[in-house]
Amino acid sequence: MASDRAKRLRRLARTLTDRFGLASHRHGVVEAAWSGSARAWTFAWTDGPTVAQVRAVCRETEPVASEGLRYARSLSQDAVALGAVRLTILSASGRRSRVQPADVEALWRDKPFPGPRTERERALVYAVVYEAHAAHHRNSADAAEICELINQYGLAVFLRRCGAELSPAETLTAHYAASHAHPTWRHQLATMDPDTLLRAVRDDPRASAALLDAALALLPELPTESAAAEDELRARRGRASPTA
């Protein structure tokens, strides 16, 4: 009987792998493992479907054999880094919030196949994981190490390292955040408000051509400032060195 259950569960693990397309997934298949100490079977996989999704298929396909089955969905270092990046960006503005591994687990609990939505997210995840490997001199990093890296350094340094294209507001915030007491840029990539950014450029006699261009791109968001500010910025832009 026990041998029959083992065969059915291993077959069920293969069914799950096929059902959710995990054979071609970078983190592999659903593994069925027996624990002698716990006297229980466990299905384990990385990223992929949620526990609720896997449990539902098991109960539908093998209700008897899956009775008492344990489910262990782990997160890859890329999924942890992505979750930590998103949570850091979404954290309350005005205060620095430290992301913990439990927060990342909660974020992905009901979300299948965690993955970047944009090339910027993909680049940020790569930069974070790369730095975590370098910091610990090995090609792996656990959730606590990844979260602590982001908590310690913030996201701006990784955005700069990955070479992502910045919006006009981001370009200006990256330059003026330190001098305008705006630490949420460094930690959460929160930009300064457009009025403050425009004022910072207009008050900066050494503003480069790139900063003047970014300020000009912001003007449509500030219609009350447009006329006088545009004339001033364009005049300064004409005098600025193209490489300044």
C-alpha atoms as a PDB file:
ATOM      1  CA  MET A   1       0.000   0.000   0.000  1.00  0.00           C
ATOM      2  CA  ALA A   2       2.770   2.415   0.930  1.00  0.00           C
ATOM      3  CA  SER A   3       4.618   1.518  -2.264  1.00  0.00           C
ATOM      4  CA  ASP A   4       1.465   2.133  -4.301  1.00  0.00           C
ATOM      5  CA  ARG A   5       1.035   5.566  -2.708  1.00  0.00           C
ATOM      6  CA  ALA A   6       4.652   6.439  -3.466  1.00  0.00           C
ATOM      7  CA  LYS A   7       4.126   5.573  -7.136  1.00  0.00           C
ATOM      8  CA  ARG A   8       0.926   7.611  -7.286  1.00  0.00           C
ATOM      9  CA  LEU A   9       2.541  10.633  -5.663  1.00  0.00           C
ATOM     10  CA  ARG A  10       5.562  10.527  -7.955  1.00  0.00           C
ATOM     11  CA  ARG A  11       3.225  10.277 -10.914  1.00  0.00           C
ATOM     12  CA  LEU A  12       1.241  13.181  -9.501  1.00  0.00           C
ATOM     13  CA  ALA A  13       4.440  15.247  -9.195  1.00  0.00           C
ATOM     14  CA  ARG A  14       5.104  14.643 -12.889  1.00  0.00           C
ATOM     15  CA  THR A  15       1.511  15.615 -13.682  1.00  0.00           C
ATOM     16  CA  LEU A  16       1.953  18.872 -11.782  1.00  0.00           C
ATOM     17  CA  THR A  17       5.222  19.550 -13.586  1.00  0.00           C
ATOM     18  CA  ASP A  18       3.453  19.136 -16.931  1.00  0.00           C
ATOM     19  CA  ARG A  19       0.298  20.991 -15.891  1.00  0.00           C
ATOM     20  CA  PHE A  20       2.210  24.093 -14.848  1.00  0.00           C
ATOM     21  CA  GLY A  21       4.875  23.900 -17.557  1.00  0.00           C
ATOM     22  CA  LEU A  22       7.716  23.465 -15.082  1.00  0.00           C
ATOM     23  CA  ALA A  23       9.767  21.107 -17.243  1.00  0.00           C
ATOM     24  CA  SER A  24      10.971  24.144 -19.191  1.00  0.00           C
ATOM     25  CA  HIS A  25      10.990  26.419 -16.136  1.00  0.00           C
ATOM     26  CA  ARG A  26      14.460  27.567 -15.129  1.00  0.00           C
ATOM     27  CA  HIS A  27      14.042  26.277 -11.578  1.00  0.00           C
ATOM     28  CA  GLY A  28      12.949  22.769 -12.484  1.00  0.00           C
ATOM     29  CA  VAL A  29      10.207  20.332 -11.599  1.00  0.00           C
ATOM     30  CA  VAL A  30       7.993  19.414  -8.656  1.00  0.00           C
ATOM     31  CA  GLU A  31       9.943  16.994  -6.462  1.00  0.00           C
ATOM     32  CA  ALA A  32       8.238  14.332  -4.333  1.00  0.00           C
ATOM     33  CA  ALA A  33      10.225  13.461  -1.214  1.00  0.00           C
ATOM     34  CA  TRP A  34       9.546  11.197   1.767  1.00  0.00           C
ATOM     35  CA  SER A  35      10.723  12.235   5.239  1.00  0.00           C
ATOM     36  CA  GLY A  36      11.242   9.317   7.583  1.00  0.00           C
ATOM     37  CA  SER A  37      11.517  11.552  10.631  1.00  0.00           C
ATOM     38  CA  ALA A  38       8.324  13.465   9.835  1.00  0.00           C
ATOM     39  CA  ARG A  39       6.618  10.384   8.425  1.00  0.00           C
ATOM     40  CA  ALA A  40       5.222  12.486   5.611  1.00  0.00           C
ATOM     41  CA  TRP A  41       5.525  13.154   1.900  1.00  0.00           C
ATOM     42  CA  THR A  42       6.397  16.642   0.649  1.00  0.00           C
ATOM     43  CA  PHE A  43       6.020  18.206  -2.777  1.00  0.00           C
ATOM     44  CA  ALA A  44       8.715  20.856  -3.236  1.00  0.00           C
ATOM     45  CA  TRP A  45       9.300  23.355  -6.047  1.00  0.00           C
ATOM     46  CA  THR A  46      10.796  26.785  -6.630  1.00  0.00           C
ATOM     47  CA  ASP A  47       8.827  29.900  -7.683  1.00  0.00           C
ATOM     48  CA  GLY A  48       6.210  28.571 -10.107  1.00  0.00           C
ATOM     49  CA  PRO A  49       2.588  28.074  -9.003  1.00  0.00           C
ATOM     50  CA  THR A  50       1.289  28.954  -5.563  1.00  0.00           C
ATOM     51  CA  VAL A  51       0.740  26.386  -2.837  1.00  0.00           C
ATOM     52  CA  ALA A  52      -3.013  26.864  -3.205  1.00  0.00           C
ATOM     53  CA  GLN A  53      -2.839  26.078  -6.927  1.00  0.00           C
ATOM     54  CA  VAL A  54      -0.777  22.930  -6.419  1.00  0.00           C
ATOM     55  CA  ARG A  55      -2.954  21.744  -3.533  1.00  0.00           C
ATOM     56  CA  ALA A  56      -6.119  22.198  -5.616  1.00  0.00           C
ATOM     57  CA  VAL A  57      -4.744  20.069  -8.462  1.00  0.00           C
ATOM     58  CA  CYS A  58      -3.605  17.387  -6.013  1.00  0.00           C
ATOM     59  CA  ARG A  59      -7.024  17.163  -4.359  1.00  0.00           C
ATOM     60  CA  GLU A  60      -8.733  17.047  -7.721  1.00  0.00           C
ATOM     61  CA  THR A  61      -6.393  14.461  -9.274  1.00  0.00           C
ATOM     62  CA  GLU A  62      -5.395  12.239  -6.327  1.00  0.00           C
ATOM     63  CA  PRO A  63      -7.625  13.057  -3.333  1.00  0.00           C
ATOM     64  CA  VAL A  64      -6.701   9.881  -1.429  1.00  0.00           C
ATOM     65  CA  ALA A  65      -2.967   9.730  -2.157  1.00  0.00           C
ATOM     66  CA  SER A  66      -2.523  13.453  -1.444  1.00  0.00           C
ATOM     67  CA  GLU A  67      -4.121  13.252   1.997  1.00  0.00           C
ATOM     68  CA  GLY A  68      -1.605  14.589   4.540  1.00  0.00           C
ATOM     69  CA  LEU A  69       0.746  15.749   1.794  1.00  0.00           C
ATOM     70  CA  ARG A  70       2.999  18.699   2.651  1.00  0.00           C
ATOM     71  CA  TYR A  71       3.750  21.533   0.233  1.00  0.00           C
ATOM     72  CA  ALA A  72       7.003  23.503   0.159  1.00  0.00           C
ATOM     73  CA  ARG A  73       7.298  26.333  -2.340  1.00  0.00           C
ATOM     74  CA  SER A  74      10.672  28.064  -2.095  1.00  0.00           C
ATOM     75  CA  LEU A  75      11.704  31.332  -3.714  1.00  0.00           C
ATOM     76  CA  SER A  76      14.733  31.744  -5.954  1.00  0.00           C
ATOM     77  CA  GLN A  77      17.197  34.515  -5.244  1.00  0.00           C
ATOM     78  CA  ASP A  78      15.838  36.393  -8.281  1.00  0.00           C
ATOM     79  CA  ALA A  79      12.283  36.209  -6.899  1.00  0.00           C
ATOM     80  CA  VAL A  80      13.502  37.393  -3.493  1.00  0.00           C
ATOM     81  CA  ALA A  81      15.399  40.302  -5.048  1.00  0.00           C
ATOM     82  CA  LEU A  82      12.403  41.274  -7.190  1.00  0.00           C
ATOM     83  CA  GLY A  83      10.084  41.158  -4.189  1.00  0.00           C
ATOM     84  CA  ALA A  84      12.467  43.232  -2.089  1.00  0.00           C
ATOM     85  CA  VAL A  85      12.795  45.805  -4.889  1.00  0.00           C
ATOM     86  CA  ARG A  86       9.025  46.151  -5.271  1.00  0.00           C
ATOM     87  CA  LEU A  87       8.379  46.346  -1.539  1.00  0.00           C
ATOM     88  CA  THR A  88      11.085  48.967  -1.099  1.00  0.00           C
ATOM     89  CA  ILE A  89       9.608  51.139  -3.847  1.00  0.00           C
ATOM     90  CA  LEU A  90       6.089  50.708  -2.469  1.00  0.00           C
ATOM     91  CA  SER A  91       7.028  51.371   1.154  1.00  0.00           C
ATOM     92  CA  ALA A  92       5.527  54.426   2.821  1.00  0.00           C
ATOM     93  CA  SER A  93       7.055  57.673   1.614  1.00  0.00           C
ATOM     94  CA  GLY A  94       8.620  59.881   4.219  1.00  0.00           C
ATOM     95  CA  ARG A  95      10.094  57.083   6.261  1.00  0.00           C
ATOM     96  CA  ARG A  96      12.557  54.330   5.561  1.00  0.00           C
ATOM     97  CA  SER A  97      11.031  50.872   5.787  1.00  0.00           C
ATOM     98  CA  ARG A  98      13.232  47.802   6.152  1.00  0.00           C
ATOM     99  CA  VAL A  99      12.177  44.828   4.038  1.00  0.00           C
ATOM    100  CA  GLN A 100      12.399  41.407   5.681  1.00  0.00           C
ATOM    101  CA  PRO A 101      12.345  37.916   4.086  1.00  0.00           C
ATOM    102  CA  ALA A 102       8.912  37.307   5.632  1.00  0.00           C
ATOM    103  CA  ASP A 103       7.597  40.386   3.790  1.00  0.00           C
ATOM    104  CA  VAL A 104       8.826  38.972   0.487  1.00  0.00           C
ATOM    105  CA  GLU A 105       7.237  35.591   1.199  1.00  0.00           C
ATOM    106  CA  ALA A 106       3.940  37.307   1.981  1.00  0.00           C
ATOM    107  CA  LEU A 107       4.131  39.321  -1.250  1.00  0.00           C
ATOM    108  CA  TRP A 108       4.476  36.191  -3.419  1.00  0.00           C
ATOM    109  CA  ARG A 109       2.224  33.865  -1.393  1.00  0.00           C
ATOM    110  CA  ASP A 110      -0.758  34.291  -3.704  1.00  0.00           C
ATOM    111  CA  LYS A 111       1.134  35.268  -6.861  1.00  0.00           C
ATOM    112  CA  PRO A 112       2.293  32.492  -9.219  1.00  0.00           C
ATOM    113  CA  PHE A 113       5.492  32.603 -11.268  1.00  0.00           C
ATOM    114  CA  PRO A 114       7.045  35.784  -9.843  1.00  0.00           C
ATOM    115  CA  GLY A 115       8.968  37.634 -12.517  1.00  0.00           C
ATOM    116  CA  PRO A 116       9.901  41.160 -13.615  1.00  0.00           C
ATOM    117  CA  ARG A 117       7.270  43.203 -15.413  1.00  0.00           C
ATOM    118  CA  THR A 118       9.745  45.544 -17.092  1.00  0.00           C
ATOM    119  CA  GLU A 119      13.316  45.607 -18.318  1.00  0.00           C
ATOM    120  CA  ARG A 120      14.099  48.050 -15.516  1.00  0.00           C
ATOM    121  CA  GLU A 121      12.962  45.531 -12.896  1.00  0.00           C
ATOM    122  CA  ARG A 122      14.983  42.817 -14.636  1.00  0.00           C
ATOM    123  CA  ALA A 123      18.092  45.010 -14.627  1.00  0.00           C
ATOM    124  CA  LEU A 124      17.630  45.987 -10.970  1.00  0.00           C
ATOM    125  CA  VAL A 125      17.248  42.345  -9.939  1.00  0.00           C
ATOM    126  CA  TYR A 126      20.402  41.406 -11.839  1.00  0.00           C
ATOM    127  CA  ALA A 127      22.361  44.246 -10.221  1.00  0.00           C
ATOM    128  CA  VAL A 128      21.164  43.329  -6.708  1.00  0.00           C
ATOM    129  CA  VAL A 129      21.885  39.606  -7.080  1.00  0.00           C
ATOM    130  CA  TYR A 130      25.267  40.288  -8.679  1.00  0.00           C
ATOM    131  CA  GLU A 131      26.259  42.527  -5.764  1.00  0.00           C
ATOM    132  CA  ALA A 132      24.998  39.976  -3.216  1.00  0.00           C
ATOM    133  CA  HIS A 133      27.198  37.309  -4.808  1.00  0.00           C
ATOM    134  CA  ALA A 134      30.198  39.635  -4.861  1.00  0.00           C
ATOM    135  CA  ALA A 135      29.677  40.719  -1.252  1.00  0.00           C
ATOM    136  CA  HIS A 136      29.675  37.123   0.020  1.00  0.00           C
ATOM    137  CA  HIS A 137      32.226  35.709  -2.453  1.00  0.00           C
ATOM    138  CA  ARG A 138      29.926  32.931  -3.682  1.00  0.00           C
ATOM    139  CA  ASN A 139      27.405  32.361  -6.449  1.00  0.00           C
ATOM    140  CA  SER A 140      24.393  32.274  -4.159  1.00  0.00           C
ATOM    141  CA  ALA A 141      22.643  34.516  -1.661  1.00  0.00           C
ATOM    142  CA  ASP A 142      19.859  33.811   0.785  1.00  0.00           C
ATOM    143  CA  ALA A 143      16.796  35.960   1.388  1.00  0.00           C
ATOM    144  CA  ALA A 144      18.188  37.659   4.495  1.00  0.00           C
ATOM    145  CA  GLU A 145      21.381  38.668   2.665  1.00  0.00           C
ATOM    146  CA  ILE A 146      19.488  40.093  -0.289  1.00  0.00           C
ATOM    147  CA  CYS A 147      17.066  42.054   1.888  1.00  0.00           C
ATOM    148  CA  GLU A 148      19.868  43.419   4.062  1.00  0.00           C
ATOM    149  CA  LEU A 149      21.798  44.568   0.997  1.00  0.00           C
ATOM    150  CA  ILE A 150      18.840  46.629  -0.209  1.00  0.00           C
ATOM    151  CA  ASN A 151      18.069  47.883   3.297  1.00  0.00           C
ATOM    152  CA  GLN A 152      21.653  49.028   3.720  1.00  0.00           C
ATOM    153  CA  TYR A 153      22.325  50.684   0.364  1.00  0.00           C
ATOM    154  CA  GLY A 154      18.900  51.508  -1.048  1.00  0.00           C
ATOM    155  CA  LEU A 155      17.965  51.165  -4.726  1.00  0.00           C
ATOM    156  CA  ALA A 156      19.512  54.242  -6.342  1.00  0.00           C
ATOM    157  CA  VAL A 157      22.997  52.736  -6.374  1.00  0.00           C
ATOM    158  CA  PHE A 158      21.711  49.639  -8.203  1.00  0.00           C
ATOM    159  CA  LEU A 159      19.713  51.718 -10.667  1.00  0.00           C
ATOM    160  CA  ARG A 160      22.890  53.634 -11.476  1.00  0.00           C
ATOM    161  CA  ARG A 161      24.946  50.456 -11.849  1.00  0.00           C
ATOM    162  CA  CYS A 162      22.497  48.738 -14.165  1.00  0.00           C
ATOM    163  CA  GLY A 163      22.508  51.716 -16.536  1.00  0.00           C
ATOM    164  CA  ALA A 164      18.727  52.055 -16.729  1.00  0.00           C
ATOM    165  CA  GLU A 165      17.381  55.065 -18.595  1.00  0.00           C
ATOM    166  CA  LEU A 166      16.068  57.747 -16.236  1.00  0.00           C
ATOM    167  CA  SER A 167      13.006  59.906 -16.692  1.00  0.00           C
ATOM    168  CA  PRO A 168      13.500  63.692 -16.542  1.00  0.00           C
ATOM    169  CA  ALA A 169      12.256  63.766 -12.929  1.00  0.00           C
ATOM    170  CA  GLU A 170      14.599  60.929 -12.005  1.00  0.00           C
ATOM    171  CA  THR A 171      17.547  62.589 -13.715  1.00  0.00           C
ATOM    172  CA  LEU A 172      16.998  65.761 -11.717  1.00  0.00           C
ATOM    173  CA  THR A 173      16.242  63.977  -8.448  1.00  0.00           C
ATOM    174  CA  ALA A 174      19.380  61.833  -8.761  1.00  0.00           C
ATOM    175  CA  HIS A 175      21.405  65.057  -9.018  1.00  0.00           C
ATOM    176  CA  TYR A 176      19.662  67.228  -6.420  1.00  0.00           C
ATOM    177  CA  ALA A 177      18.358  64.737  -3.824  1.00  0.00           C
ATOM    178  CA  ALA A 178      21.419  64.930  -1.562  1.00  0.00           C
ATOM    179  CA  SER A 179      21.522  68.718  -1.460  1.00  0.00           C
ATOM    180  CA  HIS A 180      17.757  68.973  -0.912  1.00  0.00           C
ATOM    181  CA  ALA A 181      17.455  66.468   1.955  1.00  0.00           C
ATOM    182  CA  HIS A 182      15.494  63.908  -0.068  1.00  0.00           C
ATOM    183  CA  PRO A 183      16.745  60.493   1.151  1.00  0.00           C
ATOM    184  CA  THR A 184      13.767  58.572  -0.243  1.00  0.00           C
ATOM    185  CA  TRP A 185      15.388  58.772  -3.693  1.00  0.00           C
ATOM    186  CA  ARG A 186      18.407  56.842  -2.462  1.00  0.00           C
ATOM    187  CA  HIS A 187      16.303  54.223  -0.707  1.00  0.00           C
ATOM    188  CA  GLN A 188      13.050  53.995  -2.670  1.00  0.00           C
ATOM    189  CA  LEU A 189      13.646  55.826  -5.978  1.00  0.00           C
ATOM    190  CA  ALA A 190      10.971  58.356  -4.982  1.00  0.00           C
ATOM    191  CA  THR A 191      11.358  61.494  -7.079  1.00  0.00           C
ATOM    192  CA  MET A 192      11.100  65.053  -5.793  1.00  0.00           C
ATOM    193  CA  ASP A 193       7.998  67.007  -6.805  1.00  0.00           C
ATOM    194  CA  PRO A 194       8.239  68.838 -10.163  1.00  0.00           C
ATOM    195  CA  ASP A 195       8.006  72.326  -8.637  1.00  0.00           C
ATOM    196  CA  THR A 196      10.958  71.647  -6.361  1.00  0.00           C
ATOM    197  CA  LEU A 197      12.984  70.158  -9.209  1.00  0.00           C
ATOM    198  CA  LEU A 198      12.356  73.108 -11.497  1.00  0.00           C
ATOM    199  CA  ARG A 199      13.286  75.522  -8.743  1.00  0.00           C
ATOM    200  CA  ALA A 200      16.478  73.571  -8.040  1.00  0.00           C
ATOM    201  CA  VAL A 201      17.577  73.866 -11.674  1.00  0.00           C
ATOM    202  CA  ARG A 202      16.707  77.553 -11.907  1.00  0.00           C
ATOM    203  CA  ASP A 203      18.655  78.223  -8.687  1.00  0.00           C
ATOM    204  CA  ASP A 204      21.669  76.243  -9.896  1.00  0.00           C
ATOM    205  CA  PRO A 205      24.024  78.453 -11.940  1.00  0.00           C
ATOM    206  CA  ARG A 206      26.105  75.406 -12.852  1.00  0.00           C
ATOM    207  CA  ALA A 207      23.266  73.232 -14.133  1.00  0.00           C
ATOM    208  CA  SER A 208      24.534  71.092 -17.010  1.00  0.00           C
ATOM    209  CA  ALA A 209      22.965  70.781 -20.433  1.00  0.00           C
ATOM    210  CA  ALA A 210      21.518  67.403 -19.415  1.00  0.00           C
ATOM    211  CA  LEU A 211      19.875  68.920 -16.348  1.00  0.00           C
ATOM    212  CA  LEU A 212      18.488  71.840 -18.343  1.00  0.00           C
ATOM    213  CA  ASP A 213      17.066  69.419 -20.919  1.00  0.00           C
ATOM    214  CA  ALA A 214      15.420  67.406 -18.114  1.00  0.00           C
ATOM    215  CA  ALA A 215      13.925  70.579 -16.647  1.00  0.00           C
ATOM    216  CA  LEU A 216      12.539  71.606 -20.028  1.00  0.00           C
ATOM    217  CA  ALA A 217      10.945  68.157 -20.363  1.00  0.00           C
ATOM    218  CA  LEU A 218       9.189  68.718 -17.020  1.00  0.00           C
ATOM    219  CA  LEU A 219       7.526  71.982 -18.030  1.00  0.00           C
ATOM    220  CA  PRO A 220       4.325  70.417 -19.483  1.00  0.00           C
ATOM    221  CA  GLU A 221       3.582  69.197 -15.938  1.00  0.00           C
ATOM    222  CA  LEU A 222       3.876  72.781 -14.675  1.00  0.00           C
ATOM    223  CA  PRO A 223       1.695  74.943 -16.940  1.00  0.00           C
ATOM    224  CA  THR A 224       1.738  77.921 -14.587  1.00  0.00           C
ATOM    225  CA  GLU A 225       5.520  78.014 -14.761  1.00  0.00           C
ATOM    226  CA  SER A 226       5.935  77.297 -18.446  1.00  0.00           C
ATOM    227  CA  ALA A 227       6.222  80.657 -20.163  1.00  0.00           C
ATOM    228  CA  ALA A 228       8.847  82.468 -18.120  1.00  0.00           C
ATOM    229  CA  ALA A 229      10.686  79.304 -17.125  1.00  0.00           C
ATOM    230  CA  GLU A 230      10.928  77.982 -20.677  1.00  0.00           C
ATOM    231  CA  ASP A 231      12.430  81.205 -21.988  1.00  0.00           C
ATOM    232  CA  GLU A 232      15.000  81.246 -19.186  1.00  0.00           C
ATOM    233  CA  LEU A 233      15.916  77.567 -19.498  1.00  0.00           C
ATOM    234  CA  ARG A 234      16.212  77.687 -23.287  1.00  0.00           C
ATOM    235  CA  ALA A 235      18.451  80.722 -23.086  1.00  0.00           C
ATOM    236  CA  ARG A 236      20.690  78.961 -20.569  1.00  0.00           C
ATOM    237  CA  ARG A 237      20.585  75.779 -22.638  1.00  0.00           C
ATOM    238  CA  GLY A 238      21.828  77.688 -25.656  1.00  0.00           C
ATOM    239  CA  ARG A 239      24.838  78.894 -23.674  1.00  0.00           C
ATOM    240  CA  ALA A 240      25.572  75.499 -22.057  1.00  0.00           C
ATOM    241  CA  SER A 241      28.224  73.222 -23.491  1.00  0.00           C
ATOM    242  CA  PRO A 242      26.655  70.168 -25.213  1.00  0.00           C
ATOM    243  CA  THR A 243      28.836  67.903 -23.077  1.00  0.00           C
ATOM    244  CA  ALA A 244      28.319  69.829 -19.837  1.00  0.00           C
END
